Amino acid sequence: MATAGVPQRFCRCACFCSENLYVARYGLHVRFRGEQQLRADYGPILRSRGCVTPKDFQQLLEELEQEVERRKRLGQESAARKALIASSYHPARPEIYNSLQDVALAPEFLAAAEYSALPGADLKGLLQRLETVSEEKRIYRLPVFTAPFCQALLEELEHFEQSDMPKGRPNTMNNYGVLLHELGLDEPLVTPLRERFLQPLMALLYPDCGGGWLDSHRAFVVKYAPGQDRELGCHYDNAELTINVSLGKAFTGGALYFGGLFQAPSALANPLEVEHVVGQGVLHRGGQLHGARPLGTGERWNLIVWLRASAVRNRLCPMCCRKPDLVDDEGFGDGFTREEPTTVDVCVMT
């Protein structure tokens, strides 16, 4: 275990630079170790999805090689952007950067978190305080932020988007949005949200997935708009658990859809659609296959927090499904640690 008073050091798995590379136009995640491996593993499915000519394949090869190089540079480039933003950016809504206050949170969320922290709290009691979207898929929803806080956060995000500050992609699939740790919102907003409120909730909802052992996160805002990202292909998250909060604005379409766990056969049979409700958060397991339907009109902004438990993921990387090959990284990395975690009886999704 980490020494008391010494910040815990987090790592990523080396597979980050070779596994789950997303090719949007073919709607496919691929493992990439080189041209020969790519042809052998994905040749038939790529041809069936339109990668037919030598030019098509060469273009794909170049894109994958560029993505691998981008991922290798990601940690250092992100740290450099964060430092520049901290020294040069002038917020429109500086109050957003103050430590999270209860006034920003919906009463229903506060009540559910307060109940979950009680000594006698149980799952049955918690389920009376939130909406069960799907009992089978263990998907839940409840209000998280107040309308004024959503509006203030959106104003700040749009102000940053329009600034000349450098911006990183929120994840490997979305092209438009904001990484909250680069903007300086991890410490005042997301960390207290995880530690004070989400942890007791998740401990009751998902004890078998590390819900009571959450020790890191990755938080970002994604934006969908005409001429930008409009939909999101089917995927699963690099997280034990996820909360997805709709921030606004006015929009139509863009519903989430959920299949089964990514390891399950016929995992996308009969997907469940879930509409966004501004201010409300959808809670689900990271391994649940999901995506977003095409946006109809307007702009849609969502806050996504990938919640991670090193006690779970140190055993098995959810991306490569192997014992993680650890590489030191910046900040929370991908939530792995070199320290031996406290023994916890969790059900790693298989």
Protein backbone atom coordinates (compact mmCIF):
# COMPACT_ATOMS: atom_id res chain seq x y z
CA MET A 1 0.00 0.00 0.00
CA ALA A 2 1.09 3.61 -0.54
CA THR A 3 2.82 5.25 2.40
CA ALA A 4 0.56 7.56 4.39
CA GLY A 5 0.93 11.14 3.26
CA VAL A 6 2.61 10.21 -0.04
CA PRO A 7 0.45 10.67 -3.17
CA GLN A 8 -0.37 7.41 -4.84
CA ARG A 9 1.30 6.91 -8.22
CA PHE A 10 -0.93 5.65 -11.01
CA CYS A 11 -0.02 3.85 -14.20
CA ARG A 12 -1.47 2.79 -17.53
CA CYS A 13 -1.29 -0.59 -19.21
CA ALA A 14 1.12 -0.81 -22.16
CA CYS A 15 -1.77 -2.13 -24.26
CA PHE A 16 -3.04 1.45 -24.56
CA CYS A 17 -0.78 1.88 -27.59
CA SER A 18 -1.90 -1.27 -29.40
CA GLU A 19 -5.41 -2.31 -28.29
CA ASN A 20 -8.84 -0.85 -29.02
CA LEU A 21 -7.84 1.62 -31.71
CA TYR A 22 -11.07 3.01 -33.10
CA VAL A 23 -11.61 3.34 -36.85
CA ALA A 24 -14.71 5.51 -37.10
CA ARG A 25 -15.54 5.11 -40.78
CA TYR A 26 -15.52 1.32 -40.47
CA GLY A 27 -17.18 1.31 -37.04
CA LEU A 28 -14.50 -0.99 -35.67
CA HIS A 29 -12.09 -1.24 -32.75
CA VAL A 30 -8.88 -3.01 -33.73
CA ARG A 31 -5.76 -4.41 -32.16
CA PHE A 32 -2.74 -3.12 -34.08
CA ARG A 33 0.77 -4.55 -34.03
CA GLY A 34 1.63 -4.03 -37.69
CA GLU A 35 0.44 -4.52 -41.26
CA GLN A 36 0.70 -8.31 -41.35
CA GLN A 37 -1.22 -8.75 -38.11
CA LEU A 38 -3.89 -6.24 -39.20
CA ARG A 39 -4.50 -8.07 -42.49
CA ALA A 40 -4.61 -11.46 -40.79
CA ASP A 41 -6.93 -10.45 -37.97
CA TYR A 42 -9.26 -7.98 -39.67
CA GLY A 43 -8.96 -8.41 -43.45
CA PRO A 44 -12.39 -10.00 -44.05
CA ILE A 45 -14.37 -7.69 -41.75
CA LEU A 46 -12.60 -4.60 -43.10
CA ARG A 47 -13.47 -5.60 -46.67
CA SER A 48 -17.09 -6.18 -45.64
CA ARG A 49 -17.22 -2.63 -44.25
CA GLY A 50 -15.76 -0.89 -47.28
CA CYS A 51 -11.97 -1.13 -46.92
CA VAL A 52 -11.56 -2.73 -50.35
CA THR A 53 -8.80 -1.13 -52.41
CA PRO A 54 -5.05 -1.04 -51.68
CA LYS A 55 -5.45 2.75 -51.27
CA ASP A 56 -8.14 2.19 -48.62
CA PHE A 57 -5.91 -0.16 -46.66
CA GLN A 58 -2.83 2.07 -46.95
CA GLN A 59 -4.84 5.04 -45.66
CA LEU A 60 -6.06 2.94 -42.73
CA LEU A 61 -2.52 1.78 -41.99
CA GLU A 62 -1.22 5.34 -41.90
CA GLU A 63 -4.05 6.46 -39.64
CA LEU A 64 -3.38 3.63 -37.17
CA GLU A 65 0.35 4.36 -37.12
CA GLN A 66 -0.39 8.03 -36.42
CA GLU A 67 -2.81 7.09 -33.64
CA VAL A 68 -0.20 4.86 -31.98
CA GLU A 69 2.30 7.73 -32.02
CA ARG A 70 -0.33 10.13 -30.67
CA ARG A 71 -1.08 7.79 -27.79
CA LYS A 72 2.62 7.47 -26.94
CA ARG A 73 2.90 11.26 -26.61
CA LEU A 74 -0.41 11.72 -24.82
CA GLY A 75 0.76 11.94 -21.20
CA GLN A 76 3.49 14.51 -21.78
CA GLU A 77 1.39 16.61 -24.14
CA SER A 78 -1.55 16.61 -21.73
CA ALA A 79 0.68 17.75 -18.85
CA ALA A 80 2.06 20.55 -21.00
CA ARG A 81 -1.43 21.72 -21.99
CA LYS A 82 -2.55 21.66 -18.35
CA ALA A 83 0.42 23.79 -17.28
CA LEU A 84 -0.20 26.35 -20.02
CA ILE A 85 -3.93 26.57 -19.24
CA ALA A 86 -3.18 27.03 -15.52
CA SER A 87 -0.81 29.92 -16.24
CA SER A 88 -2.61 31.71 -19.07
CA TYR A 89 -6.33 30.94 -19.17
CA HIS A 90 -8.86 33.39 -17.70
CA PRO A 91 -12.15 31.67 -16.75
CA ALA A 92 -15.55 33.18 -17.49
CA ARG A 93 -17.09 31.56 -14.40
CA PRO A 94 -14.31 31.41 -11.77
CA GLU A 95 -16.74 30.17 -9.10
CA ILE A 96 -16.84 26.82 -10.91
CA TYR A 97 -13.24 26.28 -9.78
CA ASN A 98 -14.11 26.56 -6.10
CA SER A 99 -14.48 23.35 -4.13
CA LEU A 100 -17.75 21.55 -4.89
CA GLN A 101 -20.59 22.78 -2.70
CA ASP A 102 -23.87 21.03 -1.90
CA VAL A 103 -25.79 23.90 -3.52
CA ALA A 104 -24.56 22.68 -6.93
CA LEU A 105 -26.08 19.25 -6.40
CA ALA A 106 -29.67 18.14 -6.89
CA PRO A 107 -31.55 17.41 -3.64
CA GLU A 108 -32.29 13.86 -4.85
CA PHE A 109 -28.58 13.21 -5.37
CA LEU A 110 -27.68 14.58 -1.94
CA ALA A 111 -30.39 12.45 -0.32
CA ALA A 112 -29.26 9.28 -2.09
CA ALA A 113 -25.60 9.85 -1.18
CA GLU A 114 -26.46 10.72 2.42
CA TYR A 115 -28.56 7.57 2.76
CA SER A 116 -25.82 5.42 1.20
CA ALA A 117 -23.31 6.60 3.79
CA LEU A 118 -25.50 5.54 6.74
CA PRO A 119 -24.29 2.47 8.70
CA GLY A 120 -27.51 0.55 8.04
CA ALA A 121 -27.94 1.49 4.38
CA ASP A 122 -28.74 -1.30 1.93
CA LEU A 123 -29.45 -1.71 -1.76
CA LYS A 124 -33.22 -1.97 -1.29
CA GLY A 125 -33.34 1.37 0.50
CA LEU A 126 -31.14 3.06 -2.08
CA LEU A 127 -33.26 1.82 -4.99
CA GLN A 128 -36.20 3.70 -3.50
CA ARG A 129 -34.20 6.91 -3.97
CA LEU A 130 -33.29 6.60 -7.64
CA GLU A 131 -34.73 5.33 -10.93
CA THR A 132 -33.98 1.80 -12.07
CA VAL A 133 -33.67 2.07 -15.85
CA SER A 134 -32.93 -1.64 -16.26
CA GLU A 135 -32.76 -4.15 -13.43
CA GLU A 136 -31.29 -6.76 -15.78
CA LYS A 137 -28.51 -4.47 -17.05
CA ARG A 138 -28.11 -2.73 -13.68
CA ILE A 139 -28.53 0.74 -15.18
CA TYR A 140 -29.78 3.52 -12.91
CA ARG A 141 -30.53 7.24 -13.16
CA LEU A 142 -30.98 10.15 -10.79
CA PRO A 143 -30.66 13.96 -10.83
CA VAL A 144 -27.06 15.02 -10.10
CA PHE A 145 -26.64 18.77 -10.69
CA THR A 146 -29.01 21.70 -10.35
CA ALA A 147 -30.07 23.61 -13.47
CA PRO A 148 -28.09 26.75 -12.46
CA PHE A 149 -24.91 24.71 -11.99
CA CYS A 150 -25.35 22.97 -15.37
CA GLN A 151 -25.78 26.39 -16.99
CA ALA A 152 -22.72 27.85 -15.27
CA LEU A 153 -20.57 24.86 -16.18
CA LEU A 154 -21.73 25.02 -19.80
CA GLU A 155 -20.89 28.72 -19.98
CA GLU A 156 -17.41 28.01 -18.71
CA LEU A 157 -16.90 25.11 -21.13
CA GLU A 158 -18.03 27.18 -24.11
CA HIS A 159 -15.78 30.04 -23.04
CA PHE A 160 -12.82 27.65 -22.92
CA GLU A 161 -13.80 26.11 -26.26
CA GLN A 162 -13.75 29.55 -27.89
CA SER A 163 -10.41 30.53 -26.32
CA ASP A 164 -7.03 30.11 -27.99
CA MET A 165 -5.88 27.63 -25.34
CA PRO A 166 -4.67 24.20 -26.56
CA LYS A 167 -7.25 21.44 -26.33
CA GLY A 168 -6.90 17.67 -26.16
CA ARG A 169 -9.40 15.13 -27.44
CA PRO A 170 -11.63 13.93 -24.58
CA ASN A 171 -11.03 10.26 -25.45
CA THR A 172 -10.03 8.03 -28.35
CA MET A 173 -13.49 8.13 -29.98
CA ASN A 174 -14.76 11.69 -29.45
CA ASN A 175 -13.13 14.62 -31.23
CA TYR A 176 -14.92 17.51 -29.50
CA GLY A 177 -15.04 18.24 -25.79
CA VAL A 178 -12.87 19.05 -22.78
CA LEU A 179 -10.58 17.06 -20.50
CA LEU A 180 -11.46 18.30 -17.03
CA HIS A 181 -8.06 17.61 -15.48
CA GLU A 182 -6.44 19.85 -18.12
CA LEU A 183 -8.92 22.62 -17.39
CA GLY A 184 -8.17 22.38 -13.65
CA LEU A 185 -11.54 20.98 -12.60
CA ASP A 186 -10.43 17.56 -11.35
CA GLU A 187 -9.45 18.66 -7.85
CA PRO A 188 -12.29 21.07 -7.03
CA LEU A 189 -15.15 19.29 -8.83
CA VAL A 190 -14.62 15.68 -9.86
CA THR A 191 -12.53 14.30 -6.99
CA PRO A 192 -15.00 15.45 -4.27
CA LEU A 193 -17.89 14.23 -6.44
CA ARG A 194 -16.29 10.77 -6.52
CA GLU A 195 -15.06 10.61 -2.94
CA ARG A 196 -17.96 12.19 -1.07
CA PHE A 197 -20.97 11.23 -3.12
CA LEU A 198 -20.42 8.61 -5.83
CA GLN A 199 -18.36 6.19 -3.76
CA PRO A 200 -21.08 5.41 -1.16
CA LEU A 201 -23.69 5.13 -3.94
CA MET A 202 -21.57 2.83 -6.08
CA ALA A 203 -20.59 0.70 -3.08
CA LEU A 204 -24.24 -0.30 -2.69
CA LEU A 205 -25.13 -0.51 -6.38
CA TYR A 206 -22.03 -2.33 -7.62
CA PRO A 207 -20.13 -3.98 -4.74
CA ASP A 208 -18.99 -6.77 -7.08
CA CYS A 209 -17.38 -4.32 -9.51
CA GLY A 210 -15.23 -2.36 -7.05
CA GLY A 211 -17.89 0.25 -6.24
CA GLY A 212 -16.63 0.59 -2.70
CA TRP A 213 -12.96 0.84 -3.75
CA LEU A 214 -12.94 3.68 -6.25
CA ASP A 215 -9.57 5.44 -6.03
CA SER A 216 -9.22 7.29 -9.34
CA HIS A 217 -11.16 8.55 -12.32
CA ARG A 218 -10.98 10.09 -15.77
CA ALA A 219 -13.46 12.89 -16.40
CA PHE A 220 -14.27 14.68 -19.61
CA VAL A 221 -17.07 16.54 -21.33
CA VAL A 222 -18.16 15.50 -24.82
CA LYS A 223 -19.91 17.75 -27.32
CA TYR A 224 -22.18 16.70 -30.17
CA ALA A 225 -23.22 19.26 -32.78
CA PRO A 226 -23.89 19.63 -36.53
CA GLY A 227 -20.60 19.58 -38.42
CA GLN A 228 -18.84 17.96 -35.45
CA ASP A 229 -19.37 14.61 -33.71
CA ARG A 230 -23.02 13.58 -34.16
CA GLU A 231 -23.07 10.02 -32.84
CA LEU A 232 -20.88 7.51 -31.05
CA GLY A 233 -20.19 3.96 -32.10
CA CYS A 234 -20.70 0.97 -29.84
CA HIS A 235 -17.95 0.51 -27.25
CA TYR A 236 -17.25 -0.20 -23.61
CA ASP A 237 -15.42 2.06 -21.18
CA ASN A 238 -11.96 1.77 -19.68
CA ALA A 239 -13.57 1.93 -16.25
CA GLU A 240 -15.15 -0.28 -13.64
CA LEU A 241 -18.15 2.07 -13.45
CA THR A 242 -19.38 5.13 -15.35
CA ILE A 243 -21.64 8.09 -14.69
CA ASN A 244 -22.91 10.07 -17.70
CA VAL A 245 -24.56 13.41 -16.83
CA SER A 246 -26.48 15.43 -19.41
CA LEU A 247 -25.54 19.12 -19.13
CA GLY A 248 -27.67 20.45 -22.02
CA LYS A 249 -28.16 22.37 -24.28
CA ALA A 250 -31.34 22.16 -26.35
CA PHE A 251 -31.22 19.15 -28.68
CA THR A 252 -33.17 16.29 -30.20
CA GLY A 253 -31.98 12.73 -30.77
CA GLY A 254 -28.69 11.41 -29.44
CA ALA A 255 -30.20 8.79 -27.11
CA LEU A 256 -27.88 6.34 -25.41
CA TYR A 257 -28.26 2.66 -26.24
CA PHE A 258 -27.07 -0.27 -24.14
CA GLY A 259 -26.39 -3.89 -24.94
CA GLY A 260 -24.99 -6.58 -22.68
CA LEU A 261 -21.54 -6.89 -21.15
CA PHE A 262 -18.87 -6.82 -23.83
CA GLN A 263 -17.78 -10.42 -23.20
CA ALA A 264 -21.30 -11.82 -23.59
CA PRO A 265 -22.47 -13.56 -26.78
CA SER A 266 -25.02 -11.54 -28.76
CA ALA A 267 -24.10 -8.59 -26.56
CA LEU A 268 -25.92 -6.09 -28.78
CA ALA A 269 -29.12 -8.05 -29.26
CA ASN A 270 -32.20 -5.96 -28.36
CA PRO A 271 -30.37 -2.80 -27.21
CA LEU A 272 -32.06 -0.62 -24.60
CA GLU A 273 -32.44 3.07 -25.49
CA VAL A 274 -32.20 5.72 -22.79
CA GLU A 275 -33.09 9.35 -23.44
CA HIS A 276 -31.03 12.16 -21.91
CA VAL A 277 -32.54 14.33 -19.19
CA VAL A 278 -30.63 17.54 -18.49
CA GLY A 279 -29.07 17.49 -15.03
CA GLN A 280 -29.57 13.76 -14.59
CA GLY A 281 -26.86 11.11 -14.54
CA VAL A 282 -27.01 7.57 -15.92
CA LEU A 283 -25.02 5.02 -13.89
CA HIS A 284 -23.75 1.81 -15.50
CA ARG A 285 -20.96 -0.73 -15.47
CA GLY A 286 -17.96 0.19 -17.59
CA GLY A 287 -18.10 -3.14 -19.40
CA GLN A 288 -21.65 -2.54 -20.61
CA LEU A 289 -21.64 -2.12 -24.38
CA HIS A 290 -23.17 1.22 -25.30
CA GLY A 291 -23.18 4.04 -27.81
CA ALA A 292 -25.12 7.15 -28.82
CA ARG A 293 -27.67 7.47 -31.61
CA PRO A 294 -27.24 10.32 -34.13
CA LEU A 295 -27.99 13.83 -32.94
CA GLY A 296 -31.06 15.33 -34.58
CA THR A 297 -30.85 19.06 -33.94
CA GLY A 298 -29.09 21.41 -31.53
CA GLU A 299 -26.05 20.77 -29.33
CA ARG A 300 -25.61 18.08 -26.70
CA TRP A 301 -22.98 18.32 -23.93
CA ASN A 302 -22.42 15.49 -21.44
CA LEU A 303 -20.09 15.06 -18.49
CA ILE A 304 -18.61 11.56 -18.39
CA VAL A 305 -16.73 10.23 -15.38
CA TRP A 306 -14.96 6.89 -15.70
CA LEU A 307 -14.69 5.55 -12.15
CA ARG A 308 -11.81 3.18 -11.48
CA ALA A 309 -10.83 0.78 -8.70
CA SER A 310 -7.20 -0.35 -8.74
CA ALA A 311 -8.18 -3.29 -6.51
CA VAL A 312 -10.09 -4.62 -9.52
CA ARG A 313 -8.10 -3.52 -12.54
CA ASN A 314 -4.69 -4.41 -11.14
CA ARG A 315 -5.77 -8.03 -11.59
CA LEU A 316 -7.02 -7.73 -15.16
CA CYS A 317 -6.83 -4.85 -17.64
CA PRO A 318 -10.35 -4.33 -19.05
CA MET A 319 -8.93 -3.29 -22.42
CA CYS A 320 -6.65 -6.24 -23.23
CA CYS A 321 -8.15 -8.72 -20.73
CA ARG A 322 -4.68 -9.64 -19.49
CA LYS A 323 -2.59 -8.94 -16.42
CA PRO A 324 -1.67 -5.28 -16.92
CA ASP A 325 1.82 -4.46 -18.18
CA LEU A 326 2.34 -1.29 -16.14
CA VAL A 327 3.84 1.93 -17.49
CA ASP A 328 4.24 5.03 -15.31
CA ASP A 329 1.89 7.83 -16.36
CA GLU A 330 0.79 11.35 -15.46
CA GLY A 331 -1.96 12.07 -12.90
CA PHE A 332 -4.39 9.21 -12.43
CA GLY A 333 -3.05 7.44 -15.53
CA ASP A 334 -5.48 4.66 -16.37
CA GLY A 335 -6.09 3.80 -12.72
CA PHE A 336 -3.55 1.00 -12.23
CA THR A 337 -1.11 0.99 -9.32
CA ARG A 338 2.12 -0.85 -8.60
CA GLU A 339 1.18 -1.19 -4.94
CA GLU A 340 -0.49 -4.42 -3.89
CA PRO A 341 -4.14 -3.43 -3.33
CA THR A 342 -6.08 -4.37 -0.24
CA THR A 343 -7.68 -7.76 -0.78
CA VAL A 344 -11.27 -7.26 -1.86
CA ASP A 345 -13.82 -9.84 -2.93
CA VAL A 346 -14.88 -8.41 -6.25
CA CYS A 347 -16.31 -10.02 -9.34
CA VAL A 348 -14.07 -8.97 -12.21
CA MET A 349 -16.36 -9.04 -15.21
CA THR A 350 -15.85 -12.22 -17.19
